[in-house]
Amino acid sequence: MLIVGYVFALRSERRLCAEVQVNLAYRWFCKLGIEDRIPDHSVFCRARHERFRESGALRRVFEGVVAMCIATGRLGAKRSRSMRA
């Protein structure tokens, strides 16, 4: 679920849980069924502050995704006002 939060700029754990509660696409990505309970926001807050901050794991994932986008030509140094789909 944290990946959904980072990708869609959901900076609050409470907001992330609320979005996953109602968005079926987010539930599908997180492998949650319609009847499944969403974890409490405090679980993500603790994980973010205790586990991931020190390890830099999420930063490495982000940097890897950016590197793949650059390698495939989807992202480059040239800035543009419009982006082709």
N, C-alpha and C. Protein backbone atom coordinates (compact mmCIF):
# COMPACT_ATOMS: atom_id res chain seq x y z
N MET A 1 0.81 -1.19 0.00
CA MET A 1 0.00 0.00 0.00
C MET A 1 0.86 1.26 0.00
N LEU A 2 2.02 1.18 0.61
CA LEU A 2 2.89 2.35 0.62
C LEU A 2 3.30 2.76 -0.79
N ILE A 3 3.47 1.79 -1.67
CA ILE A 3 3.83 2.11 -3.05
C ILE A 3 2.71 2.92 -3.70
N VAL A 4 1.46 2.54 -3.46
CA VAL A 4 0.33 3.31 -3.98
C VAL A 4 0.39 4.74 -3.45
N GLY A 5 0.69 4.88 -2.19
CA GLY A 5 0.80 6.21 -1.59
C GLY A 5 1.88 7.05 -2.23
N TYR A 6 3.03 6.45 -2.48
CA TYR A 6 4.13 7.20 -3.09
C TYR A 6 3.84 7.54 -4.54
N VAL A 7 3.29 6.61 -5.28
CA VAL A 7 3.03 6.83 -6.70
C VAL A 7 1.98 7.92 -6.90
N PHE A 8 0.94 7.92 -6.06
CA PHE A 8 -0.15 8.87 -6.24
C PHE A 8 -0.07 10.05 -5.26
N ALA A 9 1.10 10.26 -4.68
CA ALA A 9 1.38 11.41 -3.82
C ALA A 9 0.39 11.55 -2.67
N LEU A 10 0.06 10.43 -2.06
CA LEU A 10 -0.79 10.44 -0.87
C LEU A 10 0.14 10.50 0.33
N ARG A 11 0.37 11.68 0.84
CA ARG A 11 1.39 11.90 1.86
C ARG A 11 0.95 11.52 3.26
N SER A 12 -0.32 11.36 3.49
CA SER A 12 -0.84 11.03 4.80
C SER A 12 -1.24 9.56 4.85
N GLU A 13 -0.87 8.89 5.93
CA GLU A 13 -1.27 7.49 6.08
C GLU A 13 -2.78 7.36 6.19
N ARG A 14 -3.40 8.31 6.86
CA ARG A 14 -4.86 8.29 6.98
C ARG A 14 -5.52 8.44 5.61
N ARG A 15 -4.99 9.35 4.80
CA ARG A 15 -5.53 9.55 3.45
C ARG A 15 -5.32 8.31 2.59
N LEU A 16 -4.15 7.68 2.72
CA LEU A 16 -3.86 6.46 1.98
C LEU A 16 -4.88 5.38 2.32
N CYS A 17 -5.13 5.17 3.60
CA CYS A 17 -6.09 4.14 4.02
C CYS A 17 -7.50 4.47 3.53
N ALA A 18 -7.87 5.74 3.56
CA ALA A 18 -9.19 6.14 3.08
C ALA A 18 -9.32 5.90 1.58
N GLU A 19 -8.29 6.20 0.81
CA GLU A 19 -8.32 5.99 -0.64
C GLU A 19 -8.38 4.50 -0.99
N VAL A 20 -7.60 3.69 -0.31
CA VAL A 20 -7.61 2.26 -0.58
C VAL A 20 -8.95 1.66 -0.17
N GLN A 21 -9.58 2.22 0.83
CA GLN A 21 -10.88 1.74 1.28
C GLN A 21 -11.92 1.81 0.17
N VAL A 22 -11.89 2.86 -0.66
CA VAL A 22 -12.95 3.08 -1.65
C VAL A 22 -12.51 2.84 -3.09
N ASN A 23 -11.22 2.75 -3.37
CA ASN A 23 -10.75 2.63 -4.74
C ASN A 23 -10.45 1.17 -5.08
N LEU A 24 -11.25 0.60 -5.97
CA LEU A 24 -11.10 -0.81 -6.31
C LEU A 24 -9.77 -1.11 -7.00
N ALA A 25 -9.26 -0.18 -7.78
CA ALA A 25 -7.98 -0.39 -8.45
C ALA A 25 -6.85 -0.49 -7.43
N TYR A 26 -6.89 0.36 -6.42
CA TYR A 26 -5.88 0.30 -5.36
C TYR A 26 -6.00 -1.02 -4.61
N ARG A 27 -7.23 -1.44 -4.32
CA ARG A 27 -7.44 -2.72 -3.63
C ARG A 27 -6.89 -3.88 -4.46
N TRP A 28 -7.14 -3.85 -5.76
CA TRP A 28 -6.65 -4.91 -6.63
C TRP A 28 -5.13 -4.95 -6.61
N PHE A 29 -4.49 -3.79 -6.72
CA PHE A 29 -3.04 -3.72 -6.72
C PHE A 29 -2.46 -4.26 -5.41
N CYS A 30 -3.13 -3.99 -4.32
CA CYS A 30 -2.67 -4.43 -3.00
C CYS A 30 -3.14 -5.84 -2.65
N LYS A 31 -3.82 -6.50 -3.61
CA LYS A 31 -4.35 -7.85 -3.43
C LYS A 31 -5.31 -7.92 -2.25
N LEU A 32 -6.17 -6.93 -2.16
CA LEU A 32 -7.21 -6.89 -1.13
C LEU A 32 -8.56 -7.09 -1.79
N GLY A 33 -9.37 -7.95 -1.22
CA GLY A 33 -10.72 -8.15 -1.72
C GLY A 33 -11.64 -7.05 -1.23
N ILE A 34 -12.87 -7.06 -1.75
CA ILE A 34 -13.83 -6.04 -1.36
C ILE A 34 -14.16 -6.13 0.13
N GLU A 35 -14.19 -7.32 0.66
CA GLU A 35 -14.54 -7.53 2.07
C GLU A 35 -13.34 -7.42 3.00
N ASP A 36 -12.11 -7.40 2.46
CA ASP A 36 -10.91 -7.36 3.30
C ASP A 36 -10.81 -6.03 4.05
N ARG A 37 -10.32 -6.13 5.27
CA ARG A 37 -10.11 -4.91 6.07
C ARG A 37 -8.82 -4.23 5.67
N ILE A 38 -8.85 -2.92 5.72
CA ILE A 38 -7.66 -2.12 5.44
C ILE A 38 -6.88 -2.00 6.75
N PRO A 39 -5.57 -2.18 6.72
CA PRO A 39 -4.78 -2.02 7.95
C PRO A 39 -4.92 -0.60 8.51
N ASP A 40 -4.77 -0.48 9.80
CA ASP A 40 -4.85 0.82 10.45
C ASP A 40 -3.70 1.71 9.99
N HIS A 41 -3.95 3.00 9.93
CA HIS A 41 -2.94 3.95 9.46
C HIS A 41 -1.68 3.92 10.33
N SER A 42 -1.82 3.58 11.59
CA SER A 42 -0.65 3.58 12.48
C SER A 42 0.37 2.52 12.08
N VAL A 43 -0.07 1.45 11.44
CA VAL A 43 0.84 0.40 10.95
C VAL A 43 1.80 0.99 9.93
N PHE A 44 1.28 1.80 9.02
CA PHE A 44 2.12 2.40 7.98
C PHE A 44 3.01 3.50 8.54
N CYS A 45 2.47 4.23 9.47
CA CYS A 45 3.27 5.29 10.10
C CYS A 45 4.49 4.69 10.79
N ARG A 46 4.27 3.62 11.55
CA ARG A 46 5.40 2.95 12.23
C ARG A 46 6.38 2.37 11.23
N ALA A 47 5.87 1.72 10.20
CA ALA A 47 6.74 1.10 9.20
C ALA A 47 7.59 2.16 8.49
N ARG A 48 6.95 3.25 8.14
CA ARG A 48 7.68 4.31 7.43
C ARG A 48 8.78 4.91 8.31
N HIS A 49 8.47 5.14 9.55
CA HIS A 49 9.43 5.81 10.44
C HIS A 49 10.47 4.87 11.03
N GLU A 50 10.09 3.63 11.30
CA GLU A 50 11.02 2.71 11.96
C GLU A 50 11.82 1.86 10.99
N ARG A 51 11.17 1.34 9.97
CA ARG A 51 11.83 0.37 9.09
C ARG A 51 12.45 1.00 7.85
N PHE A 52 11.66 1.80 7.14
CA PHE A 52 12.09 2.24 5.82
C PHE A 52 12.99 3.46 5.83
N ARG A 53 12.87 4.30 6.82
CA ARG A 53 13.68 5.52 6.84
C ARG A 53 15.17 5.20 6.92
N GLU A 54 15.54 4.28 7.76
CA GLU A 54 16.95 3.94 7.94
C GLU A 54 17.50 3.11 6.79
N SER A 55 16.67 2.27 6.20
CA SER A 55 17.18 1.34 5.19
C SER A 55 17.34 1.98 3.82
N GLY A 56 16.55 2.99 3.52
CA GLY A 56 16.62 3.60 2.19
C GLY A 56 16.02 2.72 1.10
N ALA A 57 15.24 1.70 1.48
CA ALA A 57 14.68 0.76 0.51
C ALA A 57 13.76 1.45 -0.49
N LEU A 58 12.88 2.31 -0.01
CA LEU A 58 11.95 2.98 -0.93
C LEU A 58 12.68 3.93 -1.86
N ARG A 59 13.74 4.56 -1.38
CA ARG A 59 14.52 5.43 -2.25
C ARG A 59 15.18 4.62 -3.37
N ARG A 60 15.70 3.43 -3.04
CA ARG A 60 16.33 2.58 -4.07
C ARG A 60 15.29 2.12 -5.10
N VAL A 61 14.09 1.79 -4.65
CA VAL A 61 13.03 1.40 -5.59
C VAL A 61 12.70 2.57 -6.51
N PHE A 62 12.54 3.75 -5.95
CA PHE A 62 12.24 4.94 -6.75
C PHE A 62 13.34 5.22 -7.76
N GLU A 63 14.58 5.19 -7.31
CA GLU A 63 15.70 5.45 -8.21
C GLU A 63 15.79 4.40 -9.31
N GLY A 64 15.46 3.15 -8.99
CA GLY A 64 15.45 2.10 -10.01
C GLY A 64 14.38 2.33 -11.06
N VAL A 65 13.20 2.76 -10.62
CA VAL A 65 12.12 3.04 -11.56
C VAL A 65 12.49 4.22 -12.46
N VAL A 66 13.06 5.26 -11.89
CA VAL A 66 13.49 6.41 -12.69
C VAL A 66 14.55 5.99 -13.70
N ALA A 67 15.50 5.16 -13.28
CA ALA A 67 16.55 4.68 -14.19
C ALA A 67 15.95 3.88 -15.35
N MET A 68 14.95 3.04 -15.06
CA MET A 68 14.30 2.27 -16.13
C MET A 68 13.55 3.19 -17.09
N CYS A 69 12.92 4.22 -16.56
CA CYS A 69 12.21 5.18 -17.42
C CYS A 69 13.18 5.92 -18.33
N ILE A 70 14.32 6.30 -17.81
CA ILE A 70 15.33 6.98 -18.62
C ILE A 70 15.88 6.03 -19.68
N ALA A 71 16.14 4.78 -19.30
CA ALA A 71 16.70 3.80 -20.24
C ALA A 71 15.74 3.49 -21.39
N THR A 72 14.44 3.53 -21.14
CA THR A 72 13.46 3.23 -22.19
C THR A 72 12.98 4.48 -22.92
N GLY A 73 13.53 5.63 -22.56
CA GLY A 73 13.18 6.86 -23.25
C GLY A 73 11.90 7.52 -22.78
N ARG A 74 11.34 7.06 -21.70
CA ARG A 74 10.10 7.65 -21.18
C ARG A 74 10.36 8.88 -20.33
N LEU A 75 11.60 9.07 -19.94
CA LEU A 75 11.96 10.20 -19.12
C LEU A 75 13.35 10.63 -19.53
N GLY A 76 13.54 11.92 -19.69
CA GLY A 76 14.84 12.40 -20.10
C GLY A 76 15.17 13.73 -19.46
N ALA A 77 16.31 14.25 -19.82
CA ALA A 77 16.76 15.52 -19.25
C ALA A 77 16.00 16.70 -19.85
N LYS A 78 15.52 16.56 -21.07
CA LYS A 78 14.81 17.64 -21.72
C LYS A 78 13.42 17.80 -21.10
N ARG A 79 13.10 19.02 -20.72
CA ARG A 79 11.79 19.29 -20.13
C ARG A 79 10.83 19.73 -21.22
N SER A 80 9.61 19.32 -21.07
CA SER A 80 8.59 19.67 -22.03
C SER A 80 7.30 20.01 -21.30
N ARG A 81 6.52 20.89 -21.90
CA ARG A 81 5.23 21.24 -21.28
C ARG A 81 4.20 20.17 -21.47
N SER A 82 4.28 19.41 -22.54
CA SER A 82 3.32 18.34 -22.79
C SER A 82 4.05 17.01 -22.91
N MET A 83 3.34 15.98 -22.59
CA MET A 83 3.92 14.64 -22.62
C MET A 83 3.01 13.73 -23.42
N ARG A 84 3.58 13.00 -24.34
CA ARG A 84 2.79 12.07 -25.13
C ARG A 84 2.54 10.80 -24.35
N ALA A 85 1.34 10.26 -24.48
CA ALA A 85 0.98 9.03 -23.77
C ALA A 85 1.56 7.82 -24.46
